[in-house]
Amino acid sequence: MDKHCPVFILECAATFACEKFLTGSLPLDLICKKISDHISTEYKELTVDDLRDVAETFLRCLADANVEESDVVLKSYAFERIFFRRNGKERGWDSLMWNPMKGLKSFELDLRIIRKHFQAFIFRSKQGSQKRMPSDWEIKSFESSEFIKKMGAIEFSPFDIMDQA
């Protein structure tokens, strides 16, 4: 817990928060708080504000691009970020030399870069040139990391509002 979470984990968490916000009835802050608590079990505390800012950035990008199937785009982005690095190479989940879950020594949130990459992904998905996600894939079905799998399995209910009060 002495290192910050990798950026791809933050982005996957934000896509998961957006998806739950769009398909549910709970406020984004509450969803982000629960996900942030999970991330903080493994890494330095991730502020709810940082996670919410990334999620709101994603939601704005989706609205600006008039994306019809937002949930599919969000899942596809999480899939791409989990399985591929920014340069397009596959993440080495089976590597003995390198652990993708290794935390970062320093971290500074740059929403401009995050927005730029997500907008590029939306453009690629509209063009049909992004990597193909299996139709039944979900974050909670990811087998290579128990941490990511648990994040995708977080349940939300209206009673969470009372827990946060």
N, C-alpha and C. Protein backbone atom coordinates (compact mmCIF):
# COMPACT_ATOMS: atom_id res chain seq x y z
N MET A 1 0.81 -1.19 0.00
CA MET A 1 0.00 0.00 0.00
C MET A 1 0.85 1.26 0.00
N ASP A 2 2.11 1.14 -0.38
CA ASP A 2 2.98 2.31 -0.40
C ASP A 2 3.14 2.87 -1.80
N LYS A 3 2.39 2.34 -2.76
CA LYS A 3 2.48 2.83 -4.14
C LYS A 3 1.09 3.16 -4.66
N HIS A 4 1.06 4.02 -5.67
CA HIS A 4 -0.20 4.43 -6.29
C HIS A 4 -0.66 3.39 -7.30
N CYS A 5 -1.95 3.34 -7.54
CA CYS A 5 -2.46 2.36 -8.50
C CYS A 5 -2.04 2.75 -9.92
N PRO A 6 -1.80 1.75 -10.76
CA PRO A 6 -1.46 2.03 -12.16
C PRO A 6 -2.60 2.79 -12.85
N VAL A 7 -2.28 3.57 -13.84
CA VAL A 7 -3.27 4.39 -14.53
C VAL A 7 -4.34 3.52 -15.18
N PHE A 8 -3.95 2.37 -15.71
CA PHE A 8 -4.95 1.53 -16.37
C PHE A 8 -5.98 1.00 -15.37
N ILE A 9 -5.57 0.81 -14.12
CA ILE A 9 -6.53 0.39 -13.09
C ILE A 9 -7.50 1.53 -12.80
N LEU A 10 -6.98 2.74 -12.69
CA LEU A 10 -7.82 3.92 -12.47
C LEU A 10 -8.83 4.06 -13.61
N GLU A 11 -8.37 3.90 -14.84
CA GLU A 11 -9.27 4.04 -15.99
C GLU A 11 -10.31 2.92 -16.03
N CYS A 12 -9.92 1.71 -15.68
CA CYS A 12 -10.88 0.60 -15.63
C CYS A 12 -11.91 0.83 -14.53
N ALA A 13 -11.44 1.34 -13.40
CA ALA A 13 -12.35 1.65 -12.30
C ALA A 13 -13.35 2.73 -12.72
N ALA A 14 -12.87 3.72 -13.45
CA ALA A 14 -13.74 4.80 -13.91
C ALA A 14 -14.76 4.28 -14.93
N THR A 15 -14.35 3.39 -15.82
CA THR A 15 -15.30 2.84 -16.79
C THR A 15 -16.36 2.02 -16.07
N PHE A 16 -15.93 1.27 -15.06
CA PHE A 16 -16.86 0.46 -14.27
C PHE A 16 -17.85 1.38 -13.54
N ALA A 17 -17.35 2.48 -12.96
CA ALA A 17 -18.21 3.44 -12.26
C ALA A 17 -19.22 4.06 -13.23
N CYS A 18 -18.76 4.43 -14.41
CA CYS A 18 -19.66 5.02 -15.42
C CYS A 18 -20.75 4.03 -15.83
N GLU A 19 -20.33 2.81 -16.05
CA GLU A 19 -21.29 1.78 -16.46
C GLU A 19 -22.36 1.58 -15.39
N LYS A 20 -21.95 1.49 -14.14
CA LYS A 20 -22.90 1.31 -13.04
C LYS A 20 -23.79 2.54 -12.87
N PHE A 21 -23.22 3.72 -13.10
CA PHE A 21 -24.00 4.96 -13.00
C PHE A 21 -25.06 5.02 -14.11
N LEU A 22 -24.67 4.66 -15.32
CA LEU A 22 -25.60 4.73 -16.45
C LEU A 22 -26.69 3.67 -16.39
N THR A 23 -26.38 2.51 -15.82
CA THR A 23 -27.36 1.42 -15.79
C THR A 23 -28.10 1.32 -14.46
N GLY A 24 -27.70 2.12 -13.48
CA GLY A 24 -28.33 2.05 -12.17
C GLY A 24 -29.01 3.35 -11.79
N SER A 25 -29.26 3.49 -10.50
CA SER A 25 -29.96 4.69 -10.03
C SER A 25 -29.22 5.38 -8.88
N LEU A 26 -27.98 4.98 -8.65
CA LEU A 26 -27.22 5.57 -7.56
C LEU A 26 -26.36 6.73 -8.05
N PRO A 27 -26.06 7.68 -7.17
CA PRO A 27 -25.20 8.81 -7.57
C PRO A 27 -23.77 8.36 -7.86
N LEU A 28 -23.13 9.07 -8.77
CA LEU A 28 -21.76 8.73 -9.18
C LEU A 28 -20.80 8.79 -8.00
N ASP A 29 -20.97 9.77 -7.11
CA ASP A 29 -20.09 9.89 -5.94
C ASP A 29 -20.10 8.63 -5.08
N LEU A 30 -21.29 8.08 -4.87
CA LEU A 30 -21.43 6.88 -4.05
C LEU A 30 -20.75 5.69 -4.71
N ILE A 31 -20.94 5.54 -5.99
CA ILE A 31 -20.31 4.44 -6.73
C ILE A 31 -18.80 4.58 -6.68
N CYS A 32 -18.31 5.79 -6.91
CA CYS A 32 -16.86 6.04 -6.89
C CYS A 32 -16.27 5.80 -5.51
N LYS A 33 -17.01 6.13 -4.46
CA LYS A 33 -16.53 5.92 -3.09
C LYS A 33 -16.30 4.43 -2.83
N LYS A 34 -17.25 3.62 -3.24
CA LYS A 34 -17.14 2.18 -3.00
C LYS A 34 -15.97 1.58 -3.80
N ILE A 35 -15.81 2.01 -5.03
CA ILE A 35 -14.70 1.51 -5.86
C ILE A 35 -13.37 2.02 -5.32
N SER A 36 -13.33 3.27 -4.90
CA SER A 36 -12.12 3.86 -4.33
C SER A 36 -11.69 3.11 -3.07
N ASP A 37 -12.66 2.73 -2.25
CA ASP A 37 -12.35 1.95 -1.04
C ASP A 37 -11.69 0.63 -1.42
N HIS A 38 -12.17 0.00 -2.48
CA HIS A 38 -11.57 -1.27 -2.92
C HIS A 38 -10.14 -1.05 -3.40
N ILE A 39 -9.92 -0.02 -4.19
CA ILE A 39 -8.57 0.26 -4.70
C ILE A 39 -7.62 0.56 -3.55
N SER A 40 -8.11 1.22 -2.52
CA SER A 40 -7.27 1.59 -1.38
C SER A 40 -6.86 0.39 -0.53
N THR A 41 -7.46 -0.77 -0.76
CA THR A 41 -7.03 -1.97 -0.03
C THR A 41 -5.69 -2.47 -0.54
N GLU A 42 -5.35 -2.12 -1.78
CA GLU A 42 -4.14 -2.63 -2.42
C GLU A 42 -3.08 -1.55 -2.67
N TYR A 43 -3.53 -0.31 -2.82
CA TYR A 43 -2.64 0.80 -3.19
C TYR A 43 -2.85 1.97 -2.24
N LYS A 44 -1.99 3.00 -2.40
CA LYS A 44 -2.20 4.24 -1.65
C LYS A 44 -3.61 4.74 -1.93
N GLU A 45 -4.13 5.48 -0.97
CA GLU A 45 -5.51 5.94 -1.10
C GLU A 45 -5.74 6.69 -2.41
N LEU A 46 -6.74 6.26 -3.13
CA LEU A 46 -7.19 6.95 -4.33
C LEU A 46 -8.38 7.80 -3.91
N THR A 47 -8.26 9.10 -4.08
CA THR A 47 -9.36 9.96 -3.63
C THR A 47 -10.59 9.75 -4.50
N VAL A 48 -11.73 9.87 -3.86
CA VAL A 48 -12.99 9.76 -4.58
C VAL A 48 -13.07 10.84 -5.65
N ASP A 49 -12.54 12.02 -5.34
CA ASP A 49 -12.56 13.13 -6.31
C ASP A 49 -11.82 12.77 -7.59
N ASP A 50 -10.65 12.13 -7.46
CA ASP A 50 -9.88 11.74 -8.65
C ASP A 50 -10.65 10.74 -9.51
N LEU A 51 -11.20 9.73 -8.86
CA LEU A 51 -11.95 8.71 -9.60
C LEU A 51 -13.20 9.33 -10.24
N ARG A 52 -13.90 10.17 -9.48
CA ARG A 52 -15.09 10.82 -10.02
C ARG A 52 -14.74 11.73 -11.20
N ASP A 53 -13.62 12.46 -11.09
CA ASP A 53 -13.21 13.35 -12.19
C ASP A 53 -12.95 12.57 -13.48
N VAL A 54 -12.30 11.42 -13.35
CA VAL A 54 -12.04 10.59 -14.53
C VAL A 54 -13.36 10.05 -15.09
N ALA A 55 -14.24 9.58 -14.20
CA ALA A 55 -15.53 9.05 -14.65
C ALA A 55 -16.35 10.14 -15.34
N GLU A 56 -16.36 11.34 -14.76
CA GLU A 56 -17.11 12.45 -15.39
C GLU A 56 -16.51 12.82 -16.74
N THR A 57 -15.19 12.76 -16.84
CA THR A 57 -14.53 13.02 -18.12
C THR A 57 -14.99 12.01 -19.17
N PHE A 58 -15.04 10.73 -18.79
CA PHE A 58 -15.51 9.70 -19.71
C PHE A 58 -16.96 9.96 -20.13
N LEU A 59 -17.81 10.32 -19.17
CA LEU A 59 -19.21 10.57 -19.48
C LEU A 59 -19.37 11.76 -20.42
N ARG A 60 -18.58 12.80 -20.20
CA ARG A 60 -18.63 13.97 -21.10
C ARG A 60 -18.20 13.59 -22.52
N CYS A 61 -17.14 12.81 -22.61
CA CYS A 61 -16.65 12.37 -23.93
C CYS A 61 -17.71 11.55 -24.66
N LEU A 62 -18.38 10.66 -23.93
CA LEU A 62 -19.43 9.85 -24.53
C LEU A 62 -20.58 10.72 -25.02
N ALA A 63 -20.96 11.72 -24.21
CA ALA A 63 -22.05 12.62 -24.59
C ALA A 63 -21.65 13.48 -25.80
N ASP A 64 -20.43 14.00 -25.77
CA ASP A 64 -19.96 14.84 -26.88
C ASP A 64 -19.91 14.07 -28.20
N ALA A 65 -19.59 12.79 -28.12
CA ALA A 65 -19.46 11.97 -29.33
C ALA A 65 -20.78 11.32 -29.75
N ASN A 66 -21.85 11.59 -28.98
CA ASN A 66 -23.17 11.01 -29.27
C ASN A 66 -23.11 9.50 -29.40
N VAL A 67 -22.45 8.86 -28.46
CA VAL A 67 -22.32 7.40 -28.47
C VAL A 67 -23.64 6.79 -28.02
N GLU A 68 -24.15 5.86 -28.82
CA GLU A 68 -25.44 5.25 -28.51
C GLU A 68 -25.31 4.11 -27.50
N GLU A 69 -24.35 3.24 -27.68
CA GLU A 69 -24.18 2.10 -26.78
C GLU A 69 -23.02 2.39 -25.83
N SER A 70 -23.25 3.30 -24.91
CA SER A 70 -22.20 3.74 -23.99
C SER A 70 -21.64 2.59 -23.17
N ASP A 71 -22.52 1.70 -22.70
CA ASP A 71 -22.06 0.60 -21.85
C ASP A 71 -21.10 -0.31 -22.61
N VAL A 72 -21.36 -0.54 -23.89
CA VAL A 72 -20.47 -1.39 -24.70
C VAL A 72 -19.13 -0.70 -24.91
N VAL A 73 -19.15 0.59 -25.19
CA VAL A 73 -17.91 1.34 -25.38
C VAL A 73 -17.09 1.35 -24.09
N LEU A 74 -17.75 1.53 -22.95
CA LEU A 74 -17.05 1.54 -21.67
C LEU A 74 -16.40 0.18 -21.38
N LYS A 75 -17.15 -0.89 -21.60
CA LYS A 75 -16.60 -2.23 -21.39
C LYS A 75 -15.43 -2.49 -22.34
N SER A 76 -15.58 -2.06 -23.58
CA SER A 76 -14.52 -2.25 -24.57
C SER A 76 -13.25 -1.51 -24.16
N TYR A 77 -13.43 -0.31 -23.62
CA TYR A 77 -12.27 0.47 -23.19
C TYR A 77 -11.58 -0.22 -22.01
N ALA A 78 -12.37 -0.71 -21.06
CA ALA A 78 -11.79 -1.45 -19.93
C ALA A 78 -11.04 -2.68 -20.43
N PHE A 79 -11.64 -3.40 -21.37
CA PHE A 79 -11.00 -4.58 -21.96
C PHE A 79 -9.67 -4.20 -22.59
N GLU A 80 -9.67 -3.14 -23.40
CA GLU A 80 -8.44 -2.73 -24.06
C GLU A 80 -7.37 -2.30 -23.06
N ARG A 81 -7.76 -1.57 -22.03
CA ARG A 81 -6.78 -1.09 -21.05
C ARG A 81 -6.23 -2.23 -20.21
N ILE A 82 -7.03 -3.25 -19.94
CA ILE A 82 -6.56 -4.38 -19.15
C ILE A 82 -5.62 -5.26 -19.98
N PHE A 83 -5.97 -5.51 -21.22
CA PHE A 83 -5.21 -6.46 -22.03
C PHE A 83 -4.09 -5.84 -22.86
N PHE A 84 -4.14 -4.53 -23.09
CA PHE A 84 -3.15 -3.89 -23.95
C PHE A 84 -2.61 -2.61 -23.32
N ARG A 85 -1.33 -2.36 -23.58
CA ARG A 85 -0.73 -1.10 -23.14
C ARG A 85 -1.10 0.00 -24.14
N ARG A 86 -0.76 1.22 -23.80
CA ARG A 86 -1.08 2.36 -24.68
C ARG A 86 -0.46 2.21 -26.07
N ASN A 87 0.70 1.56 -26.14
CA ASN A 87 1.37 1.42 -27.44
C ASN A 87 0.81 0.27 -28.27
N GLY A 88 -0.21 -0.42 -27.76
CA GLY A 88 -0.85 -1.50 -28.51
C GLY A 88 -0.33 -2.89 -28.20
N LYS A 89 0.79 -2.96 -27.47
CA LYS A 89 1.34 -4.28 -27.12
C LYS A 89 0.51 -4.90 -26.00
N GLU A 90 0.48 -6.23 -26.01
CA GLU A 90 -0.25 -6.93 -24.96
C GLU A 90 0.44 -6.77 -23.62
N ARG A 91 -0.38 -6.70 -22.56
CA ARG A 91 0.18 -6.68 -21.21
C ARG A 91 0.65 -8.09 -20.88
N GLY A 92 1.76 -8.20 -20.21
CA GLY A 92 2.32 -9.50 -19.87
C GLY A 92 1.77 -10.05 -18.57
N TRP A 93 0.53 -10.52 -18.60
CA TRP A 93 -0.08 -11.03 -17.37
C TRP A 93 0.58 -12.32 -16.90
N ASP A 94 1.20 -13.05 -17.79
CA ASP A 94 1.85 -14.31 -17.42
C ASP A 94 3.36 -14.16 -17.26
N SER A 95 3.85 -12.96 -17.34
CA SER A 95 5.29 -12.71 -17.28
C SER A 95 5.84 -12.95 -15.88
N LEU A 96 7.01 -13.56 -15.83
CA LEU A 96 7.68 -13.75 -14.55
C LEU A 96 8.54 -12.54 -14.19
N MET A 97 8.84 -11.73 -15.18
CA MET A 97 9.74 -10.59 -14.98
C MET A 97 9.00 -9.29 -14.65
N TRP A 98 7.76 -9.17 -15.08
CA TRP A 98 7.07 -7.90 -14.95
C TRP A 98 5.64 -8.12 -14.51
N ASN A 99 5.20 -7.36 -13.51
CA ASN A 99 3.85 -7.47 -12.98
C ASN A 99 3.06 -6.21 -13.35
N PRO A 100 2.02 -6.33 -14.18
CA PRO A 100 1.24 -5.15 -14.57
C PRO A 100 0.57 -4.46 -13.38
N MET A 101 0.35 -5.19 -12.29
CA MET A 101 -0.33 -4.63 -11.13
C MET A 101 0.62 -3.87 -10.20
N LYS A 102 1.90 -3.85 -10.54
CA LYS A 102 2.88 -3.15 -9.72
C LYS A 102 2.49 -1.67 -9.64
N GLY A 103 2.49 -1.15 -8.42
CA GLY A 103 2.08 0.24 -8.22
C GLY A 103 3.11 1.24 -8.72
N LEU A 104 2.67 2.49 -8.82
CA LEU A 104 3.52 3.58 -9.27
C LEU A 104 4.11 4.32 -8.08
N LYS A 105 5.38 4.70 -8.16
CA LYS A 105 6.01 5.46 -7.08
C LYS A 105 5.40 6.84 -6.96
N SER A 106 5.16 7.47 -8.09
CA SER A 106 4.54 8.80 -8.06
C SER A 106 3.39 8.82 -9.06
N PHE A 107 2.43 9.66 -8.76
CA PHE A 107 1.24 9.72 -9.61
C PHE A 107 0.69 11.14 -9.58
N GLU A 108 0.43 11.65 -10.76
CA GLU A 108 -0.22 12.95 -10.89
C GLU A 108 -1.31 12.80 -11.93
N LEU A 109 -2.54 13.03 -11.52
CA LEU A 109 -3.67 12.86 -12.41
C LEU A 109 -3.65 13.94 -13.49
N ASP A 110 -3.67 13.53 -14.74
CA ASP A 110 -3.72 14.46 -15.87
C ASP A 110 -4.96 14.14 -16.70
N LEU A 111 -6.05 14.84 -16.39
CA LEU A 111 -7.32 14.57 -17.07
C LEU A 111 -7.25 14.87 -18.57
N ARG A 112 -6.39 15.78 -18.95
CA ARG A 112 -6.25 16.12 -20.37
C ARG A 112 -5.78 14.91 -21.17
N ILE A 113 -4.77 14.22 -20.64
CA ILE A 113 -4.24 13.03 -21.33
C ILE A 113 -5.27 11.90 -21.31
N ILE A 114 -5.91 11.71 -20.16
CA ILE A 114 -6.92 10.65 -20.04
C ILE A 114 -8.05 10.92 -21.04
N ARG A 115 -8.51 12.16 -21.11
CA ARG A 115 -9.57 12.53 -22.05
C ARG A 115 -9.13 12.29 -23.50
N LYS A 116 -7.91 12.68 -23.81
CA LYS A 116 -7.39 12.52 -25.18
C LYS A 116 -7.37 11.05 -25.60
N HIS A 117 -6.91 10.18 -24.71
CA HIS A 117 -6.84 8.75 -25.03
C HIS A 117 -8.24 8.14 -25.16
N PHE A 118 -9.16 8.57 -24.30
CA PHE A 118 -10.52 8.03 -24.37
C PHE A 118 -11.23 8.52 -25.63
N GLN A 119 -11.04 9.77 -25.99
CA GLN A 119 -11.63 10.28 -27.23
C GLN A 119 -11.08 9.53 -28.45
N ALA A 120 -9.79 9.25 -28.43
CA ALA A 120 -9.19 8.48 -29.53
C ALA A 120 -9.79 7.08 -29.59
N PHE A 121 -10.03 6.48 -28.44
CA PHE A 121 -10.65 5.15 -28.41
C PHE A 121 -12.06 5.21 -28.99
N ILE A 122 -12.82 6.23 -28.60
CA ILE A 122 -14.18 6.37 -29.12
C ILE A 122 -14.14 6.49 -30.65
N PHE A 123 -13.21 7.29 -31.15
CA PHE A 123 -13.07 7.46 -32.60
C PHE A 123 -12.75 6.12 -33.26
N ARG A 124 -11.79 5.38 -32.68
CA ARG A 124 -11.43 4.08 -33.25
C ARG A 124 -12.61 3.12 -33.21
N SER A 125 -13.38 3.16 -32.13
CA SER A 125 -14.52 2.23 -32.03
C SER A 125 -15.60 2.59 -33.05
N LYS A 126 -15.78 3.88 -33.32
CA LYS A 126 -16.75 4.28 -34.35
C LYS A 126 -16.27 3.85 -35.73
N GLN A 127 -14.96 3.81 -35.93
CA GLN A 127 -14.38 3.39 -37.21
C GLN A 127 -14.29 1.87 -37.31
N GLY A 128 -14.50 1.19 -36.18
CA GLY A 128 -14.43 -0.27 -36.16
C GLY A 128 -13.01 -0.81 -36.15
N SER A 129 -12.06 0.01 -35.69
CA SER A 129 -10.66 -0.43 -35.75
C SER A 129 -10.05 -0.74 -34.39
N GLN A 130 -10.87 -0.85 -33.34
CA GLN A 130 -10.30 -1.20 -32.05
C GLN A 130 -10.24 -2.72 -31.89
N LYS A 131 -9.53 -3.18 -30.88
CA LYS A 131 -9.40 -4.61 -30.63
C LYS A 131 -10.78 -5.16 -30.24
N ARG A 132 -11.07 -6.34 -30.67
CA ARG A 132 -12.38 -6.92 -30.44
C ARG A 132 -12.50 -7.54 -29.06
N MET A 133 -13.49 -7.07 -28.33
CA MET A 133 -13.80 -7.61 -27.01
C MET A 133 -14.81 -8.74 -27.19
N PRO A 134 -14.61 -9.88 -26.52
CA PRO A 134 -15.63 -10.93 -26.57
C PRO A 134 -16.97 -10.38 -26.07
N SER A 135 -18.06 -10.77 -26.68
CA SER A 135 -19.36 -10.19 -26.36
C SER A 135 -19.80 -10.43 -24.92
N ASP A 136 -19.34 -11.50 -24.31
CA ASP A 136 -19.76 -11.81 -22.94
C ASP A 136 -18.72 -11.39 -21.89
N TRP A 137 -17.71 -10.63 -22.29
CA TRP A 137 -16.64 -10.25 -21.37
C TRP A 137 -17.12 -9.20 -20.38
N GLU A 138 -16.68 -9.36 -19.12
CA GLU A 138 -16.92 -8.37 -18.07
C GLU A 138 -15.67 -8.29 -17.22
N ILE A 139 -15.52 -7.18 -16.52
CA ILE A 139 -14.35 -7.02 -15.65
C ILE A 139 -14.30 -8.14 -14.62
N LYS A 140 -15.46 -8.52 -14.10
CA LYS A 140 -15.48 -9.56 -13.06
C LYS A 140 -15.12 -10.95 -13.59
N SER A 141 -15.00 -11.09 -14.90
CA SER A 141 -14.61 -12.39 -15.46
C SER A 141 -13.12 -12.48 -15.77
N PHE A 142 -12.38 -11.43 -15.42
CA PHE A 142 -10.94 -11.41 -15.70
C PHE A 142 -10.22 -12.35 -14.73
N GLU A 143 -9.51 -13.34 -15.26
CA GLU A 143 -8.92 -14.39 -14.43
C GLU A 143 -7.49 -14.13 -13.96
N SER A 144 -6.78 -13.23 -14.59
CA SER A 144 -5.35 -13.06 -14.28
C SER A 144 -5.07 -12.22 -13.05
N SER A 145 -6.07 -11.52 -12.53
CA SER A 145 -5.87 -10.69 -11.34
C SER A 145 -7.10 -10.75 -10.45
N GLU A 146 -6.92 -11.27 -9.27
CA GLU A 146 -8.02 -11.36 -8.31
C GLU A 146 -8.51 -9.97 -7.92
N PHE A 147 -7.60 -9.02 -7.85
CA PHE A 147 -7.95 -7.64 -7.48
C PHE A 147 -8.92 -7.04 -8.51
N ILE A 148 -8.61 -7.19 -9.79
CA ILE A 148 -9.48 -6.65 -10.84
C ILE A 148 -10.81 -7.41 -10.85
N LYS A 149 -10.75 -8.70 -10.67
CA LYS A 149 -11.95 -9.52 -10.65
C LYS A 149 -12.89 -9.08 -9.52
N LYS A 150 -12.32 -8.83 -8.34
CA LYS A 150 -13.13 -8.37 -7.20
C LYS A 150 -13.71 -6.98 -7.46
N MET A 151 -12.94 -6.12 -8.11
CA MET A 151 -13.44 -4.78 -8.42
C MET A 151 -14.67 -4.89 -9.33
N GLY A 152 -14.61 -5.76 -10.31
CA GLY A 152 -15.73 -5.94 -11.23
C GLY A 152 -16.93 -6.61 -10.60
N ALA A 153 -16.73 -7.23 -9.45
CA ALA A 153 -17.82 -7.93 -8.77
C ALA A 153 -18.45 -7.09 -7.66
N ILE A 154 -18.00 -5.86 -7.48
CA ILE A 154 -18.57 -5.01 -6.43
C ILE A 154 -20.05 -4.80 -6.74
N GLU A 155 -20.86 -5.01 -5.73
CA GLU A 155 -22.31 -4.84 -5.87
C GLU A 155 -22.72 -3.50 -5.28
N PHE A 156 -23.71 -2.89 -5.87
CA PHE A 156 -24.23 -1.61 -5.41
C PHE A 156 -25.72 -1.76 -5.13
N SER A 157 -26.17 -1.13 -4.05
CA SER A 157 -27.59 -1.16 -3.72
C SER A 157 -28.00 0.18 -3.12
N PRO A 158 -29.29 0.46 -3.09
CA PRO A 158 -29.75 1.71 -2.48
C PRO A 158 -29.35 1.83 -1.00
N PHE A 159 -29.10 0.70 -0.35
CA PHE A 159 -28.71 0.74 1.06
C PHE A 159 -27.31 1.32 1.25
N ASP A 160 -26.52 1.35 0.18
CA ASP A 160 -25.19 1.95 0.25
C ASP A 160 -25.27 3.43 0.61
N ILE A 161 -26.36 4.08 0.24
CA ILE A 161 -26.53 5.50 0.57
C ILE A 161 -26.57 5.67 2.08
N MET A 162 -27.25 4.76 2.77
CA MET A 162 -27.32 4.85 4.23
C MET A 162 -25.97 4.56 4.87
N ASP A 163 -25.20 3.65 4.28
CA ASP A 163 -23.88 3.33 4.82
C ASP A 163 -22.94 4.51 4.72
N GLN A 164 -23.09 5.34 3.70
CA GLN A 164 -22.20 6.48 3.48
C GLN A 164 -22.62 7.71 4.28
N ALA A 165 -23.83 7.70 4.82
CA ALA A 165 -24.33 8.88 5.56
C ALA A 165 -23.66 9.04 6.90
